[in-house]
Amino acid sequence: VQLQASGGGLVQAGGSLRLSCAASRVITSVFNPLTMAWYRQAPGKQRELVASITSGRSTDYADSVKGRFTISRDNAKKKVYLQMNSLELEDTAVYYCNKSPPGQWGQGTLVTVSS
């Protein structure tokens, strides 16, 4: 599975962004059962799990983003999304999508939150 994250950018604190993740080199019948997730890595910190979504669309979130971020998926398009609202300075990081547990890492997308 090859995964490409997009949608990052520069946003002021309190603003919103929507990240997208497109899966390729995988057929729908293989993608659909996967638990997919968003991870992030802030400067000088370890990569961490932000949110995950199962094939049945059950979701789980890191405590730091609960109530602010929403993960969703479109199996027909083989895409995963992360809606990020009420962004905080601490959300600044490179965001990656991957399976859960993660496989090979693809290119992430940088989110920078400014004051």
N, C-alpha and C. Protein backbone atom coordinates (compact mmCIF):
# COMPACT_ATOMS: atom_id res chain seq x y z
N VAL A 1 0.85 -1.20 0.00
CA VAL A 1 0.00 0.00 0.00
C VAL A 1 0.88 1.24 0.00
N GLN A 2 0.61 2.12 -0.94
CA GLN A 2 1.32 3.40 -0.97
C GLN A 2 0.35 4.49 -0.54
N LEU A 3 0.80 5.34 0.39
CA LEU A 3 -0.08 6.34 0.98
C LEU A 3 0.51 7.72 0.80
N GLN A 4 -0.29 8.66 0.36
CA GLN A 4 0.14 10.03 0.13
C GLN A 4 -0.76 10.98 0.90
N ALA A 5 -0.17 11.68 1.85
CA ALA A 5 -0.92 12.65 2.64
C ALA A 5 -0.81 14.03 2.00
N SER A 6 -1.88 14.81 2.12
CA SER A 6 -1.88 16.17 1.57
C SER A 6 -2.83 17.04 2.39
N GLY A 7 -2.77 18.35 2.13
CA GLY A 7 -3.69 19.27 2.78
C GLY A 7 -3.10 20.10 3.89
N GLY A 8 -1.83 19.88 4.20
CA GLY A 8 -1.20 20.67 5.24
C GLY A 8 -0.97 22.10 4.80
N GLY A 9 -0.55 22.91 5.75
CA GLY A 9 -0.26 24.31 5.44
C GLY A 9 -0.08 25.11 6.70
N LEU A 10 -0.08 26.42 6.51
CA LEU A 10 0.08 27.36 7.62
C LEU A 10 -1.29 27.89 8.01
N VAL A 11 -1.61 27.81 9.29
CA VAL A 11 -2.91 28.26 9.77
C VAL A 11 -2.74 28.92 11.13
N GLN A 12 -3.57 29.89 11.41
CA GLN A 12 -3.52 30.55 12.72
C GLN A 12 -4.17 29.68 13.79
N ALA A 13 -3.72 29.86 14.99
CA ALA A 13 -4.33 29.15 16.12
C ALA A 13 -5.84 29.42 16.14
N GLY A 14 -6.59 28.36 16.37
CA GLY A 14 -8.04 28.46 16.34
C GLY A 14 -8.65 28.13 15.00
N GLY A 15 -7.80 28.03 13.99
CA GLY A 15 -8.29 27.74 12.64
C GLY A 15 -8.48 26.27 12.38
N SER A 16 -8.79 25.94 11.13
CA SER A 16 -9.09 24.57 10.74
C SER A 16 -8.33 24.18 9.48
N LEU A 17 -8.06 22.90 9.36
CA LEU A 17 -7.49 22.31 8.16
C LEU A 17 -8.10 20.93 7.97
N ARG A 18 -8.15 20.49 6.72
CA ARG A 18 -8.59 19.13 6.43
C ARG A 18 -7.50 18.41 5.67
N LEU A 19 -6.99 17.36 6.25
CA LEU A 19 -5.97 16.55 5.61
C LEU A 19 -6.62 15.40 4.85
N SER A 20 -5.99 15.03 3.74
CA SER A 20 -6.46 13.90 2.95
C SER A 20 -5.33 12.90 2.78
N CYS A 21 -5.71 11.65 2.64
CA CYS A 21 -4.74 10.59 2.42
C CYS A 21 -5.29 9.69 1.33
N ALA A 22 -4.51 9.53 0.27
CA ALA A 22 -4.92 8.68 -0.85
C ALA A 22 -4.07 7.42 -0.87
N ALA A 23 -4.74 6.29 -0.92
CA ALA A 23 -4.05 5.01 -0.99
C ALA A 23 -3.97 4.57 -2.45
N SER A 24 -2.82 4.07 -2.83
CA SER A 24 -2.64 3.56 -4.18
C SER A 24 -1.91 2.21 -4.12
N ARG A 25 -1.85 1.56 -5.25
CA ARG A 25 -1.21 0.25 -5.35
C ARG A 25 -1.87 -0.74 -4.40
N VAL A 26 -3.16 -0.58 -4.25
CA VAL A 26 -3.94 -1.50 -3.41
C VAL A 26 -5.35 -1.54 -3.96
N ILE A 27 -5.92 -2.74 -4.01
CA ILE A 27 -7.29 -2.84 -4.48
C ILE A 27 -8.25 -2.61 -3.31
N THR A 28 -9.47 -2.24 -3.66
CA THR A 28 -10.46 -1.89 -2.65
C THR A 28 -10.69 -3.00 -1.65
N SER A 29 -10.73 -4.23 -2.12
CA SER A 29 -11.02 -5.34 -1.22
C SER A 29 -9.90 -5.56 -0.19
N VAL A 30 -8.72 -5.05 -0.47
CA VAL A 30 -7.61 -5.12 0.50
C VAL A 30 -7.64 -3.90 1.39
N PHE A 31 -7.93 -2.73 0.83
CA PHE A 31 -7.94 -1.49 1.60
C PHE A 31 -9.07 -1.48 2.63
N ASN A 32 -10.26 -1.89 2.21
CA ASN A 32 -11.44 -1.72 3.06
C ASN A 32 -11.31 -2.33 4.45
N PRO A 33 -10.74 -3.50 4.61
CA PRO A 33 -10.67 -4.08 5.96
C PRO A 33 -9.60 -3.47 6.86
N LEU A 34 -8.75 -2.62 6.29
CA LEU A 34 -7.64 -2.07 7.07
C LEU A 34 -8.12 -1.04 8.07
N THR A 35 -7.52 -1.09 9.26
CA THR A 35 -7.65 0.03 10.19
C THR A 35 -6.64 1.08 9.75
N MET A 36 -7.11 2.27 9.50
CA MET A 36 -6.25 3.35 9.02
C MET A 36 -6.09 4.39 10.13
N ALA A 37 -5.01 5.14 10.05
CA ALA A 37 -4.72 6.08 11.13
C ALA A 37 -3.94 7.28 10.62
N TRP A 38 -4.00 8.31 11.39
CA TRP A 38 -3.15 9.48 11.21
C TRP A 38 -2.16 9.53 12.37
N TYR A 39 -0.93 9.84 12.02
CA TYR A 39 0.13 10.00 12.99
C TYR A 39 0.75 11.38 12.78
N ARG A 40 1.49 11.84 13.76
CA ARG A 40 2.21 13.10 13.57
C ARG A 40 3.53 13.06 14.31
N GLN A 41 4.45 13.86 13.81
CA GLN A 41 5.75 13.99 14.45
C GLN A 41 6.11 15.45 14.53
N ALA A 42 6.16 15.95 15.75
CA ALA A 42 6.53 17.34 15.98
C ALA A 42 8.05 17.44 16.05
N PRO A 43 8.60 18.61 15.81
CA PRO A 43 10.05 18.79 15.87
C PRO A 43 10.63 18.34 17.21
N GLY A 44 11.63 17.46 17.15
CA GLY A 44 12.28 17.00 18.36
C GLY A 44 11.52 15.98 19.16
N LYS A 45 10.39 15.51 18.63
CA LYS A 45 9.57 14.55 19.37
C LYS A 45 9.39 13.27 18.57
N GLN A 46 8.96 12.23 19.24
CA GLN A 46 8.68 10.96 18.58
C GLN A 46 7.35 11.03 17.84
N ARG A 47 7.24 10.19 16.82
CA ARG A 47 5.99 10.11 16.10
C ARG A 47 4.92 9.54 17.04
N GLU A 48 3.71 10.08 16.94
CA GLU A 48 2.64 9.62 17.80
C GLU A 48 1.36 9.38 17.00
N LEU A 49 0.53 8.48 17.53
CA LEU A 49 -0.75 8.19 16.92
C LEU A 49 -1.74 9.28 17.29
N VAL A 50 -2.41 9.84 16.29
CA VAL A 50 -3.36 10.92 16.51
C VAL A 50 -4.79 10.39 16.51
N ALA A 51 -5.12 9.60 15.49
CA ALA A 51 -6.49 9.10 15.35
C ALA A 51 -6.47 7.84 14.49
N SER A 52 -7.44 6.98 14.74
CA SER A 52 -7.55 5.76 13.94
C SER A 52 -9.02 5.48 13.64
N ILE A 53 -9.23 4.73 12.55
CA ILE A 53 -10.59 4.37 12.15
C ILE A 53 -10.58 2.96 11.60
N THR A 54 -11.48 2.13 12.09
CA THR A 54 -11.54 0.74 11.65
C THR A 54 -12.36 0.62 10.36
N SER A 55 -12.41 -0.58 9.84
CA SER A 55 -13.22 -0.81 8.65
C SER A 55 -14.69 -0.55 8.94
N GLY A 56 -15.11 -0.77 10.17
CA GLY A 56 -16.49 -0.50 10.56
C GLY A 56 -16.73 0.92 11.02
N ARG A 57 -15.70 1.76 10.82
CA ARG A 57 -15.76 3.19 11.14
C ARG A 57 -15.82 3.49 12.62
N SER A 58 -15.34 2.60 13.44
CA SER A 58 -15.10 2.94 14.85
C SER A 58 -13.84 3.78 14.92
N THR A 59 -13.88 4.82 15.73
CA THR A 59 -12.77 5.75 15.79
C THR A 59 -12.17 5.83 17.19
N ASP A 60 -10.92 6.24 17.21
CA ASP A 60 -10.22 6.44 18.48
C ASP A 60 -9.28 7.63 18.30
N TYR A 61 -9.09 8.39 19.37
CA TYR A 61 -8.31 9.61 19.28
C TYR A 61 -7.34 9.73 20.45
N ALA A 62 -6.22 10.37 20.20
CA ALA A 62 -5.33 10.75 21.28
C ALA A 62 -6.05 11.77 22.15
N ASP A 63 -5.77 11.73 23.43
CA ASP A 63 -6.45 12.65 24.36
C ASP A 63 -6.25 14.11 23.94
N SER A 64 -5.10 14.41 23.39
CA SER A 64 -4.76 15.79 23.06
C SER A 64 -5.60 16.36 21.93
N VAL A 65 -6.27 15.51 21.14
CA VAL A 65 -7.04 16.00 20.00
C VAL A 65 -8.52 15.69 20.10
N LYS A 66 -8.92 14.97 21.13
CA LYS A 66 -10.33 14.61 21.28
C LYS A 66 -11.21 15.86 21.31
N GLY A 67 -12.30 15.80 20.56
CA GLY A 67 -13.21 16.92 20.49
C GLY A 67 -12.83 17.98 19.49
N ARG A 68 -11.62 17.88 18.93
CA ARG A 68 -11.15 18.87 17.96
C ARG A 68 -10.92 18.26 16.58
N PHE A 69 -10.46 17.02 16.55
CA PHE A 69 -10.14 16.35 15.29
C PHE A 69 -11.18 15.26 15.01
N THR A 70 -11.45 15.05 13.72
CA THR A 70 -12.36 13.98 13.31
C THR A 70 -11.73 13.21 12.15
N ILE A 71 -11.62 11.91 12.31
CA ILE A 71 -11.10 11.05 11.24
C ILE A 71 -12.28 10.41 10.53
N SER A 72 -12.15 10.27 9.21
CA SER A 72 -13.19 9.62 8.42
C SER A 72 -12.53 8.91 7.24
N ARG A 73 -13.32 8.10 6.55
CA ARG A 73 -12.77 7.38 5.41
C ARG A 73 -13.83 7.21 4.34
N ASP A 74 -13.36 7.12 3.10
CA ASP A 74 -14.21 6.84 1.95
C ASP A 74 -13.61 5.62 1.27
N ASN A 75 -14.17 4.47 1.53
CA ASN A 75 -13.59 3.23 1.02
C ASN A 75 -13.63 3.15 -0.51
N ALA A 76 -14.68 3.67 -1.10
CA ALA A 76 -14.81 3.62 -2.56
C ALA A 76 -13.67 4.39 -3.23
N LYS A 77 -13.24 5.47 -2.59
CA LYS A 77 -12.16 6.29 -3.14
C LYS A 77 -10.81 5.90 -2.56
N LYS A 78 -10.81 4.99 -1.59
CA LYS A 78 -9.59 4.59 -0.90
C LYS A 78 -8.89 5.82 -0.31
N LYS A 79 -9.69 6.59 0.41
CA LYS A 79 -9.15 7.81 1.02
C LYS A 79 -9.49 7.86 2.51
N VAL A 80 -8.64 8.53 3.24
CA VAL A 80 -8.84 8.78 4.66
C VAL A 80 -8.65 10.28 4.89
N TYR A 81 -9.46 10.83 5.78
CA TYR A 81 -9.43 12.27 6.02
C TYR A 81 -9.21 12.56 7.50
N LEU A 82 -8.68 13.75 7.76
CA LEU A 82 -8.56 14.23 9.14
C LEU A 82 -8.99 15.68 9.15
N GLN A 83 -10.17 15.92 9.72
CA GLN A 83 -10.65 17.29 9.91
C GLN A 83 -10.12 17.80 11.23
N MET A 84 -9.37 18.89 11.17
CA MET A 84 -8.75 19.45 12.37
C MET A 84 -9.32 20.83 12.64
N ASN A 85 -9.98 20.98 13.75
CA ASN A 85 -10.56 22.25 14.16
C ASN A 85 -9.89 22.76 15.43
N SER A 86 -10.10 24.02 15.72
CA SER A 86 -9.55 24.63 16.93
C SER A 86 -8.06 24.30 17.09
N LEU A 87 -7.33 24.50 16.03
CA LEU A 87 -5.91 24.12 16.04
C LEU A 87 -5.12 24.93 17.06
N GLU A 88 -4.18 24.25 17.67
CA GLU A 88 -3.33 24.85 18.70
C GLU A 88 -1.88 24.82 18.24
N LEU A 89 -1.07 25.66 18.85
CA LEU A 89 0.34 25.72 18.50
C LEU A 89 0.99 24.33 18.60
N GLU A 90 0.53 23.55 19.59
CA GLU A 90 1.11 22.23 19.84
C GLU A 90 0.75 21.21 18.75
N ASP A 91 -0.16 21.57 17.85
CA ASP A 91 -0.52 20.67 16.75
C ASP A 91 0.46 20.77 15.59
N THR A 92 1.39 21.70 15.66
CA THR A 92 2.40 21.83 14.61
C THR A 92 3.22 20.56 14.52
N ALA A 93 3.23 19.96 13.33
CA ALA A 93 3.91 18.68 13.13
C ALA A 93 3.81 18.28 11.66
N VAL A 94 4.57 17.26 11.30
CA VAL A 94 4.36 16.59 10.02
C VAL A 94 3.36 15.47 10.29
N TYR A 95 2.31 15.44 9.50
CA TYR A 95 1.24 14.46 9.67
C TYR A 95 1.37 13.38 8.60
N TYR A 96 1.23 12.14 9.03
CA TYR A 96 1.32 10.99 8.14
C TYR A 96 0.07 10.13 8.27
N CYS A 97 -0.33 9.52 7.19
CA CYS A 97 -1.35 8.49 7.30
C CYS A 97 -0.68 7.14 7.07
N ASN A 98 -1.24 6.14 7.70
CA ASN A 98 -0.68 4.80 7.59
C ASN A 98 -1.72 3.83 8.13
N LYS A 99 -1.41 2.55 7.99
CA LYS A 99 -2.24 1.54 8.61
C LYS A 99 -1.99 1.58 10.12
N SER A 100 -2.84 0.86 10.84
CA SER A 100 -2.61 0.68 12.26
C SER A 100 -2.71 -0.82 12.55
N PRO A 101 -1.60 -1.44 12.98
CA PRO A 101 -0.26 -0.90 13.18
C PRO A 101 0.36 -0.45 11.85
N PRO A 102 1.30 0.48 11.92
CA PRO A 102 1.84 1.09 10.70
C PRO A 102 2.71 0.15 9.88
N GLY A 103 2.65 0.39 8.56
CA GLY A 103 3.56 -0.29 7.65
C GLY A 103 4.63 0.68 7.20
N GLN A 104 4.99 0.61 5.95
CA GLN A 104 6.00 1.52 5.42
C GLN A 104 5.47 2.95 5.43
N TRP A 105 6.34 3.87 5.81
CA TRP A 105 5.92 5.26 5.90
C TRP A 105 6.03 5.95 4.55
N GLY A 106 5.02 6.72 4.23
CA GLY A 106 5.04 7.54 3.03
C GLY A 106 5.41 8.96 3.38
N GLN A 107 5.20 9.85 2.43
CA GLN A 107 5.51 11.26 2.66
C GLN A 107 4.39 11.89 3.47
N GLY A 108 4.75 12.66 4.45
CA GLY A 108 3.77 13.34 5.27
C GLY A 108 3.44 14.72 4.73
N THR A 109 2.60 15.40 5.46
CA THR A 109 2.24 16.77 5.10
C THR A 109 2.41 17.66 6.32
N LEU A 110 3.04 18.81 6.13
CA LEU A 110 3.40 19.68 7.24
C LEU A 110 2.24 20.60 7.62
N VAL A 111 1.92 20.60 8.90
CA VAL A 111 0.93 21.52 9.45
C VAL A 111 1.65 22.45 10.41
N THR A 112 1.54 23.74 10.14
CA THR A 112 2.16 24.73 11.00
C THR A 112 1.08 25.65 11.55
N VAL A 113 0.99 25.70 12.86
CA VAL A 113 0.00 26.55 13.51
C VAL A 113 0.72 27.75 14.12
N SER A 114 0.29 28.93 13.74
CA SER A 114 0.94 30.15 14.21
C SER A 114 0.04 30.90 15.19
N SER A 115 0.67 31.73 16.00
CA SER A 115 -0.10 32.50 16.99
C SER A 115 -0.60 33.80 16.41
